[in-house]
Amino acid sequence: MEAVNLETSRFSIRQAKELIKDLHKPDPKTYWTDFLLTIVSGHILFTLNVHTDKWLDAGLAGTVVAKTLIGAATVVLFLRAAMFTHELVHLPKEGWKAFRVVWNILCGIPFMIPSFTYYPHIDHHRRKSYGTDEDAEYLNLSHQPPRAIVMYMLGTLVTPFVGLIRWGILTPIAWVFPQIRRWTFARASTMVMDVSYVRPEAGEKVYRIMRIQEAACLIVAWFMILHGPLIAKTWLDPFWFHAYAVSVAMIVLNNLRTLGAHRWTGEGSELTFEQQLLDSCDYPYNPLITELWGPTGTRYHATHHLFPSLPYHNLGKAHRRLMAGLPTDSIYRETVKRSLIAEIVDLWQRSSAAHQFTESPTILEFPKRRAA
């Protein structure tokens, strides 16, 4: 959020800045160690799970239990590694090129979520863009019927296939036809919540990075498609089933986190600083659990929106300082939530209450932003 008009009767940005002024420098050792241990461990566990028949002899029941536990650990590790894309947007441009390249090689490209698809995330932090049609990561779910929440979650089932189509089919077509290329960049090159989002044109540097990253994703997409008949020599390829299950589980877990990251009370128009702050949530309790579904600081979403440049490893410390140093009537304290499930239930209840007297439209309608 821009540092303009942020002084209110219930919150002082100057006081908050003073409390956390020494926490803005990211620690390269923490980033490298955390990411490399996470992604390498995830790849090892995924490989072990695909090939349990080669190393595990525990009977049907034992195999199911082992694969379930290994699969769950893989999902948690892969989600944590993937969430570093959020950090890439906020890290300084200088001094972090190697980290960005390595993240893309080990995570972004193999998962077909290259870093350029998340560049528009910065608009989610601009005060005048947040919650408007310029924000790809916002849906006014509190004002939409519950079916919007249901469709948002059901979309996870087709997302892996959408990725294969985007990178394996649309990419080479877009290289040949400029009109398709423009559409692909505007409509199919951004990680979004709002499917109606149109990405604005970018500079040549972004397009150059895009061409490199989508070429790499094209190779990954066709490796995935051809793995069964050419490598596994079967149309019942275990690799396919494991990749799909892990992908869907990751997206489901992240979507649940996202539903609790905000209260989604905006209606499409520009929100004030206080409204944006109160629309975001922190989950400081039960860190052993919350860190699993809200890794790399994403469980401190309100604190992150308050200070987007804070590195993920300092968000918890910043939250504790703000809670200890800000006045007892500060609106910052209202961003603290105890339970992700409770917040999602509250969202459902707000959505139901807002539409309890309306007719029920077609269920197969994906959620879109409501006009202001």
Protein backbone atom coordinates (compact mmCIF):
# COMPACT_ATOMS: atom_id res chain seq x y z
CA MET A 1 0.00 0.00 0.00
CA GLU A 2 1.34 3.42 -0.88
CA ALA A 3 2.37 5.54 2.07
CA VAL A 4 -0.30 8.16 1.47
CA ASN A 5 -3.30 8.90 3.63
CA LEU A 6 -2.40 6.02 5.95
CA GLU A 7 -2.68 7.99 9.19
CA THR A 8 -6.10 7.40 10.72
CA SER A 9 -7.62 7.83 14.14
CA ARG A 10 -7.24 4.10 14.77
CA PHE A 11 -3.93 3.36 13.11
CA SER A 12 -0.60 5.15 12.77
CA ILE A 13 1.58 3.95 9.92
CA ARG A 14 4.47 5.98 11.32
CA GLN A 15 4.32 4.16 14.62
CA ALA A 16 4.03 0.79 12.88
CA LYS A 17 7.02 1.54 10.66
CA GLU A 18 9.12 2.54 13.64
CA LEU A 19 8.35 -0.76 15.37
CA ILE A 20 9.58 -2.92 12.50
CA LYS A 21 12.11 -0.66 10.75
CA ASP A 22 15.00 -3.15 11.14
CA LEU A 23 13.16 -6.15 9.65
CA HIS A 24 13.09 -5.28 5.95
CA LYS A 25 16.34 -6.92 4.83
CA PRO A 26 15.90 -10.44 3.39
CA ASP A 27 18.44 -13.05 4.50
CA PRO A 28 19.86 -14.90 1.45
CA LYS A 29 20.96 -17.90 3.55
CA THR A 30 17.42 -18.39 4.85
CA TYR A 31 15.92 -18.20 1.38
CA TRP A 32 18.40 -20.54 -0.27
CA THR A 33 18.45 -23.09 2.54
CA ASP A 34 14.68 -23.16 3.00
CA PHE A 35 13.86 -23.39 -0.68
CA LEU A 36 16.51 -25.95 -1.66
CA LEU A 37 15.78 -28.28 1.25
CA THR A 38 12.05 -27.99 0.57
CA ILE A 39 12.06 -28.57 -3.19
CA VAL A 40 14.69 -31.32 -3.18
CA SER A 41 12.87 -33.17 -0.39
CA GLY A 42 9.61 -32.81 -2.31
CA HIS A 43 11.08 -34.22 -5.52
CA ILE A 44 12.61 -37.17 -3.64
CA LEU A 45 9.33 -38.03 -1.90
CA PHE A 46 7.35 -37.68 -5.12
CA THR A 47 9.72 -40.06 -6.90
CA LEU A 48 9.56 -42.57 -4.05
CA ASN A 49 5.77 -42.46 -4.12
CA VAL A 50 5.60 -43.07 -7.87
CA HIS A 51 7.89 -46.08 -7.56
CA THR A 52 6.69 -47.69 -4.32
CA ASP A 53 6.49 -51.02 -6.13
CA LYS A 54 10.29 -51.01 -6.43
CA TRP A 55 11.15 -50.44 -2.78
CA LEU A 56 8.10 -51.17 -0.61
CA ASP A 57 6.67 -54.59 0.21
CA ALA A 58 4.05 -53.97 2.89
CA GLY A 59 0.87 -55.50 1.51
CA LEU A 60 -2.10 -53.53 0.22
CA ALA A 61 -3.03 -51.84 3.50
CA GLY A 62 0.55 -50.92 4.35
CA THR A 63 1.17 -49.60 0.86
CA VAL A 64 -1.94 -47.41 0.94
CA VAL A 65 -0.96 -45.94 4.31
CA ALA A 66 2.62 -45.33 3.19
CA LYS A 67 1.60 -43.72 -0.10
CA THR A 68 -0.94 -41.51 1.66
CA LEU A 69 1.59 -40.25 4.19
CA ILE A 70 4.30 -39.72 1.58
CA GLY A 71 1.78 -38.01 -0.69
CA ALA A 72 0.65 -35.65 2.06
CA ALA A 73 4.24 -34.72 2.88
CA THR A 74 4.93 -34.15 -0.83
CA VAL A 75 1.96 -31.80 -1.13
CA VAL A 76 3.06 -29.74 1.87
CA LEU A 77 6.65 -29.50 0.62
CA PHE A 78 5.69 -28.69 -2.97
CA LEU A 79 3.20 -26.04 -1.84
CA ARG A 80 5.84 -24.40 0.31
CA ALA A 81 8.31 -24.39 -2.57
CA ALA A 82 5.70 -23.01 -4.99
CA MET A 83 4.78 -20.20 -2.61
CA PHE A 84 8.24 -18.73 -3.01
CA THR A 85 6.90 -17.23 -6.25
CA HIS A 86 5.13 -14.77 -3.96
CA GLU A 87 8.49 -13.77 -2.50
CA LEU A 88 10.02 -13.30 -5.95
CA VAL A 89 7.61 -10.44 -6.64
CA HIS A 90 8.60 -8.59 -3.49
CA LEU A 91 12.34 -9.30 -3.33
CA PRO A 92 14.74 -6.55 -4.48
CA LYS A 93 15.55 -6.69 -8.19
CA GLU A 94 19.28 -6.53 -7.51
CA GLY A 95 21.15 -9.47 -6.02
CA TRP A 96 18.44 -12.10 -6.41
CA LYS A 97 18.72 -13.09 -10.08
CA ALA A 98 20.31 -16.46 -9.31
CA PHE A 99 17.59 -17.30 -6.82
CA ARG A 100 14.88 -16.43 -9.36
CA VAL A 101 16.54 -18.58 -12.04
CA VAL A 102 17.00 -21.56 -9.70
CA TRP A 103 13.42 -21.29 -8.43
CA ASN A 104 12.14 -21.42 -12.00
CA ILE A 105 14.37 -24.37 -12.93
CA LEU A 106 13.53 -26.49 -9.89
CA CYS A 107 9.94 -25.44 -9.23
CA GLY A 108 8.29 -22.87 -11.50
CA ILE A 109 8.97 -24.63 -14.80
CA PRO A 110 8.37 -28.24 -13.61
CA PHE A 111 5.09 -27.14 -11.96
CA MET A 112 4.20 -25.04 -15.03
CA ILE A 113 3.81 -21.90 -12.92
CA PRO A 114 6.75 -19.83 -14.24
CA SER A 115 7.48 -16.61 -12.41
CA PHE A 116 6.21 -14.27 -15.15
CA THR A 117 2.66 -15.53 -14.52
CA TYR A 118 2.76 -13.93 -11.07
CA TYR A 119 4.15 -10.51 -11.99
CA PRO A 120 0.67 -8.83 -11.80
CA HIS A 121 0.52 -9.76 -8.11
CA ILE A 122 1.97 -6.33 -7.37
CA ASP A 123 -1.38 -4.80 -8.38
CA HIS A 124 -2.96 -6.69 -5.46
CA HIS A 125 -0.90 -4.40 -3.20
CA ARG A 126 -1.59 -1.08 -4.89
CA ARG A 127 -4.15 0.82 -2.86
CA LYS A 128 -6.04 2.05 -5.91
CA SER A 129 -6.02 -1.38 -7.58
CA TYR A 130 -6.84 -3.67 -4.65
CA GLY A 131 -10.24 -5.29 -5.07
CA THR A 132 -10.92 -3.61 -8.45
CA ASP A 133 -10.90 -5.10 -11.94
CA GLU A 134 -7.15 -4.37 -12.04
CA ASP A 135 -6.61 -6.93 -9.27
CA ALA A 136 -6.41 -10.50 -10.62
CA GLU A 137 -6.42 -11.94 -7.10
CA TYR A 138 -9.68 -10.63 -5.71
CA LEU A 139 -13.29 -11.77 -5.83
CA ASN A 140 -16.01 -10.09 -3.77
CA LEU A 141 -17.10 -13.47 -2.43
CA SER A 142 -18.93 -11.98 0.56
CA HIS A 143 -21.41 -10.46 -1.89
CA GLN A 144 -21.71 -13.46 -4.22
CA PRO A 145 -23.87 -16.52 -3.62
CA PRO A 146 -22.29 -19.59 -1.98
CA ARG A 147 -22.12 -21.35 -5.33
CA ALA A 148 -19.28 -18.94 -6.24
CA ILE A 149 -17.19 -20.40 -3.42
CA VAL A 150 -18.10 -23.92 -4.53
CA MET A 151 -17.14 -23.23 -8.15
CA TYR A 152 -13.89 -21.61 -7.04
CA MET A 153 -12.95 -24.83 -5.26
CA LEU A 154 -14.24 -27.15 -8.02
CA GLY A 155 -12.01 -25.36 -10.51
CA THR A 156 -9.07 -27.16 -8.92
CA LEU A 157 -10.13 -30.39 -10.64
CA VAL A 158 -9.51 -29.03 -14.14
CA THR A 159 -6.60 -26.68 -13.45
CA PRO A 160 -3.88 -29.28 -14.25
CA PHE A 161 -5.48 -29.94 -17.64
CA VAL A 162 -5.78 -26.22 -18.30
CA GLY A 163 -2.05 -25.95 -17.65
CA LEU A 164 -1.26 -28.67 -20.19
CA ILE A 165 -3.43 -26.94 -22.81
CA ARG A 166 -1.89 -23.52 -22.09
CA TRP A 167 1.72 -24.62 -22.30
CA GLY A 168 1.54 -27.65 -24.58
CA ILE A 169 -0.94 -26.42 -27.20
CA LEU A 170 -1.49 -22.66 -27.01
CA THR A 171 2.21 -21.83 -26.75
CA PRO A 172 3.30 -23.06 -30.22
CA ILE A 173 0.09 -21.72 -31.80
CA ALA A 174 0.72 -18.30 -30.23
CA TRP A 175 4.24 -18.24 -31.66
CA VAL A 176 2.76 -18.47 -35.17
CA PHE A 177 -0.33 -16.24 -34.87
CA PRO A 178 0.17 -12.77 -33.30
CA GLN A 179 -3.55 -12.37 -32.55
CA ILE A 180 -3.58 -15.61 -30.55
CA ARG A 181 -0.40 -14.50 -28.83
CA ARG A 182 -1.98 -11.24 -27.68
CA TRP A 183 -5.05 -13.10 -26.40
CA THR A 184 -2.88 -15.70 -24.65
CA PHE A 185 -0.86 -13.05 -22.83
CA ALA A 186 -3.95 -11.09 -21.80
CA ARG A 187 -6.18 -14.01 -20.83
CA ALA A 188 -4.03 -17.08 -20.16
CA SER A 189 -0.70 -15.96 -18.71
CA THR A 190 -1.55 -14.94 -15.16
CA MET A 191 -2.31 -16.86 -11.98
CA VAL A 192 -5.75 -15.50 -11.17
CA MET A 193 -8.82 -15.83 -8.99
CA ASP A 194 -10.92 -13.69 -11.30
CA VAL A 195 -11.29 -15.57 -14.60
CA SER A 196 -12.47 -12.36 -16.31
CA TYR A 197 -9.16 -10.59 -15.58
CA VAL A 198 -7.41 -9.08 -18.60
CA ARG A 199 -3.68 -8.60 -18.18
CA PRO A 200 -2.43 -5.26 -19.50
CA GLU A 201 0.33 -5.06 -22.09
CA ALA A 202 3.87 -5.22 -20.74
CA GLY A 203 7.34 -4.08 -21.74
CA GLU A 204 9.69 -5.99 -24.03
CA LYS A 205 11.67 -7.37 -21.08
CA VAL A 206 8.58 -9.12 -19.73
CA TYR A 207 7.78 -10.57 -23.16
CA ARG A 208 11.36 -11.79 -23.52
CA ILE A 209 11.23 -13.54 -20.14
CA MET A 210 7.82 -14.94 -21.07
CA ARG A 211 9.11 -16.47 -24.32
CA ILE A 212 11.98 -18.22 -22.52
CA GLN A 213 9.83 -19.53 -19.68
CA GLU A 214 6.94 -20.69 -21.84
CA ALA A 215 9.35 -22.55 -24.14
CA ALA A 216 10.61 -24.44 -21.09
CA CYS A 217 7.03 -25.11 -19.97
CA LEU A 218 6.22 -26.40 -23.47
CA ILE A 219 8.90 -29.06 -23.03
CA VAL A 220 7.57 -29.99 -19.59
CA ALA A 221 3.98 -30.19 -20.85
CA TRP A 222 4.87 -32.60 -23.65
CA PHE A 223 7.10 -34.62 -21.32
CA MET A 224 4.04 -35.04 -19.10
CA ILE A 225 1.79 -35.98 -22.03
CA LEU A 226 4.22 -38.45 -23.60
CA HIS A 227 5.54 -39.97 -20.38
CA GLY A 228 2.97 -42.78 -20.41
CA PRO A 229 3.29 -44.14 -23.96
CA LEU A 230 6.99 -43.41 -24.52
CA ILE A 231 8.65 -43.81 -21.10
CA ALA A 232 6.32 -45.89 -18.91
CA LYS A 233 5.03 -47.80 -21.97
CA THR A 234 1.48 -47.76 -20.62
CA TRP A 235 -1.71 -45.72 -20.77
CA LEU A 236 -2.17 -46.32 -17.04
CA ASP A 237 0.97 -44.42 -16.14
CA PRO A 238 1.45 -44.12 -12.33
CA PHE A 239 3.34 -40.89 -12.94
CA TRP A 240 0.21 -39.30 -14.44
CA PHE A 241 -2.00 -40.29 -11.53
CA HIS A 242 0.50 -39.14 -8.90
CA ALA A 243 1.17 -35.84 -10.67
CA TYR A 244 -2.55 -35.11 -11.01
CA ALA A 245 -3.32 -36.04 -7.38
CA VAL A 246 -0.47 -33.93 -6.00
CA SER A 247 -1.36 -30.98 -8.25
CA VAL A 248 -5.02 -30.98 -7.26
CA ALA A 249 -4.20 -31.41 -3.56
CA MET A 250 -1.76 -28.48 -3.71
CA ILE A 251 -4.30 -26.24 -5.42
CA VAL A 252 -7.08 -27.24 -3.02
CA LEU A 253 -4.89 -26.47 0.01
CA ASN A 254 -3.81 -23.15 -1.47
CA ASN A 255 -7.37 -22.20 -2.41
CA LEU A 256 -8.55 -22.92 1.13
CA ARG A 257 -5.74 -20.71 2.43
CA THR A 258 -6.78 -18.03 -0.03
CA LEU A 259 -10.42 -18.13 1.11
CA GLY A 260 -9.21 -17.25 4.62
CA ALA A 261 -6.55 -14.74 3.58
CA HIS A 262 -9.13 -11.98 3.12
CA ARG A 263 -12.69 -11.34 4.18
CA TRP A 264 -13.61 -10.51 0.55
CA THR A 265 -15.90 -7.64 1.53
CA GLY A 266 -14.95 -5.30 -1.32
CA GLU A 267 -17.58 -4.65 -3.99
CA GLY A 268 -15.33 -3.80 -6.94
CA SER A 269 -14.64 -0.15 -6.20
CA GLU A 270 -11.56 1.38 -4.57
CA LEU A 271 -11.24 0.69 -0.84
CA THR A 272 -9.76 2.97 1.79
CA PHE A 273 -6.59 2.00 3.63
CA GLU A 274 -8.57 0.99 6.72
CA GLN A 275 -10.98 -1.08 4.65
CA GLN A 276 -8.12 -2.92 2.97
CA LEU A 277 -6.39 -3.61 6.27
CA LEU A 278 -9.58 -4.92 7.89
CA ASP A 279 -10.23 -7.05 4.80
CA SER A 280 -7.02 -9.03 5.44
CA CYS A 281 -6.29 -11.71 8.05
CA ASP A 282 -3.41 -12.92 10.23
CA TYR A 283 -3.25 -16.39 11.82
CA PRO A 284 -0.55 -16.25 14.53
CA TYR A 285 -1.86 -19.17 16.58
CA ASN A 286 -0.99 -22.88 16.27
CA PRO A 287 2.13 -22.30 14.12
CA LEU A 288 2.86 -26.00 13.66
CA ILE A 289 -0.45 -26.33 11.80
CA THR A 290 -0.88 -22.92 10.20
CA GLU A 291 2.61 -23.03 8.68
CA LEU A 292 1.59 -26.15 6.76
CA TRP A 293 -1.30 -24.48 4.92
CA GLY A 294 0.10 -20.93 5.07
CA PRO A 295 3.83 -21.33 4.33
CA THR A 296 6.46 -18.66 3.68
CA GLY A 297 4.63 -16.08 5.78
CA THR A 298 1.30 -16.29 3.96
CA ARG A 299 -0.48 -16.97 7.26
CA TYR A 300 0.43 -13.36 8.18
CA HIS A 301 -1.48 -11.93 5.24
CA ALA A 302 -2.63 -8.72 6.92
CA THR A 303 0.90 -7.91 8.08
CA HIS A 304 2.18 -8.65 4.60
CA HIS A 305 -0.36 -6.28 3.05
CA LEU A 306 0.65 -3.64 5.55
CA PHE A 307 4.37 -4.05 4.70
CA PRO A 308 4.74 -5.97 1.41
CA SER A 309 8.52 -5.62 1.37
CA LEU A 310 9.01 -7.52 4.64
CA PRO A 311 10.74 -10.87 3.94
CA TYR A 312 8.68 -13.90 4.88
CA HIS A 313 11.07 -14.97 7.63
CA ASN A 314 10.45 -11.69 9.53
CA LEU A 315 6.65 -11.50 9.27
CA GLY A 316 6.05 -13.41 12.52
CA LYS A 317 8.47 -11.19 14.40
CA ALA A 318 6.90 -8.08 12.88
CA HIS A 319 3.42 -9.24 13.89
CA ARG A 320 4.51 -9.80 17.49
CA ARG A 321 6.15 -6.37 17.70
CA LEU A 322 3.09 -4.65 16.28
CA MET A 323 0.78 -6.44 18.69
CA ALA A 324 2.99 -5.46 21.61
CA GLY A 325 3.66 -1.87 20.54
CA LEU A 326 0.46 -0.58 18.95
CA PRO A 327 -2.36 0.88 21.08
CA THR A 328 -5.02 -1.48 22.40
CA ASP A 329 -7.65 0.11 20.15
CA SER A 330 -5.59 -0.23 16.96
CA ILE A 331 -7.54 -1.72 14.06
CA TYR A 332 -4.51 -3.90 13.36
CA ARG A 333 -5.64 -6.15 16.21
CA GLU A 334 -8.89 -6.82 14.38
CA THR A 335 -7.00 -8.60 11.61
CA VAL A 336 -6.00 -11.43 13.99
CA LYS A 337 -8.00 -14.63 13.46
CA ARG A 338 -7.81 -17.90 15.39
CA SER A 339 -8.97 -20.44 12.83
CA LEU A 340 -8.90 -20.74 9.04
CA ILE A 341 -11.93 -23.02 9.10
CA ALA A 342 -13.88 -20.53 11.23
CA GLU A 343 -13.10 -17.73 8.75
CA ILE A 344 -14.22 -19.83 5.79
CA VAL A 345 -17.45 -20.67 7.64
CA ASP A 346 -17.97 -16.95 8.31
CA LEU A 347 -17.40 -16.22 4.62
CA TRP A 348 -20.00 -18.83 3.69
CA GLN A 349 -22.47 -17.34 6.15
CA ARG A 350 -21.93 -13.80 4.82
CA SER A 351 -22.39 -15.08 1.30
CA SER A 352 -25.56 -16.99 2.25
CA ALA A 353 -27.02 -14.02 4.12
CA ALA A 354 -26.39 -11.69 1.18
CA HIS A 355 -28.26 -14.01 -1.21
CA GLN A 356 -30.84 -15.78 0.88
CA PHE A 357 -33.72 -14.06 -0.93
CA THR A 358 -32.33 -14.26 -4.47
CA GLU A 359 -33.11 -16.84 -7.08
CA SER A 360 -30.52 -19.56 -7.68
CA PRO A 361 -28.86 -19.14 -11.11
CA THR A 362 -27.00 -21.81 -13.03
CA ILE A 363 -24.57 -23.69 -10.81
CA LEU A 364 -21.99 -24.03 -13.63
CA GLU A 365 -20.99 -20.38 -13.50
CA PHE A 366 -17.50 -19.48 -12.35
CA PRO A 367 -17.23 -16.60 -9.88
CA LYS A 368 -16.54 -13.20 -11.35
CA ARG A 369 -16.13 -9.80 -9.80
CA ARG A 370 -19.39 -7.95 -9.24
CA ALA A 371 -19.53 -4.50 -10.75
CA ALA A 372 -19.43 -1.66 -8.27
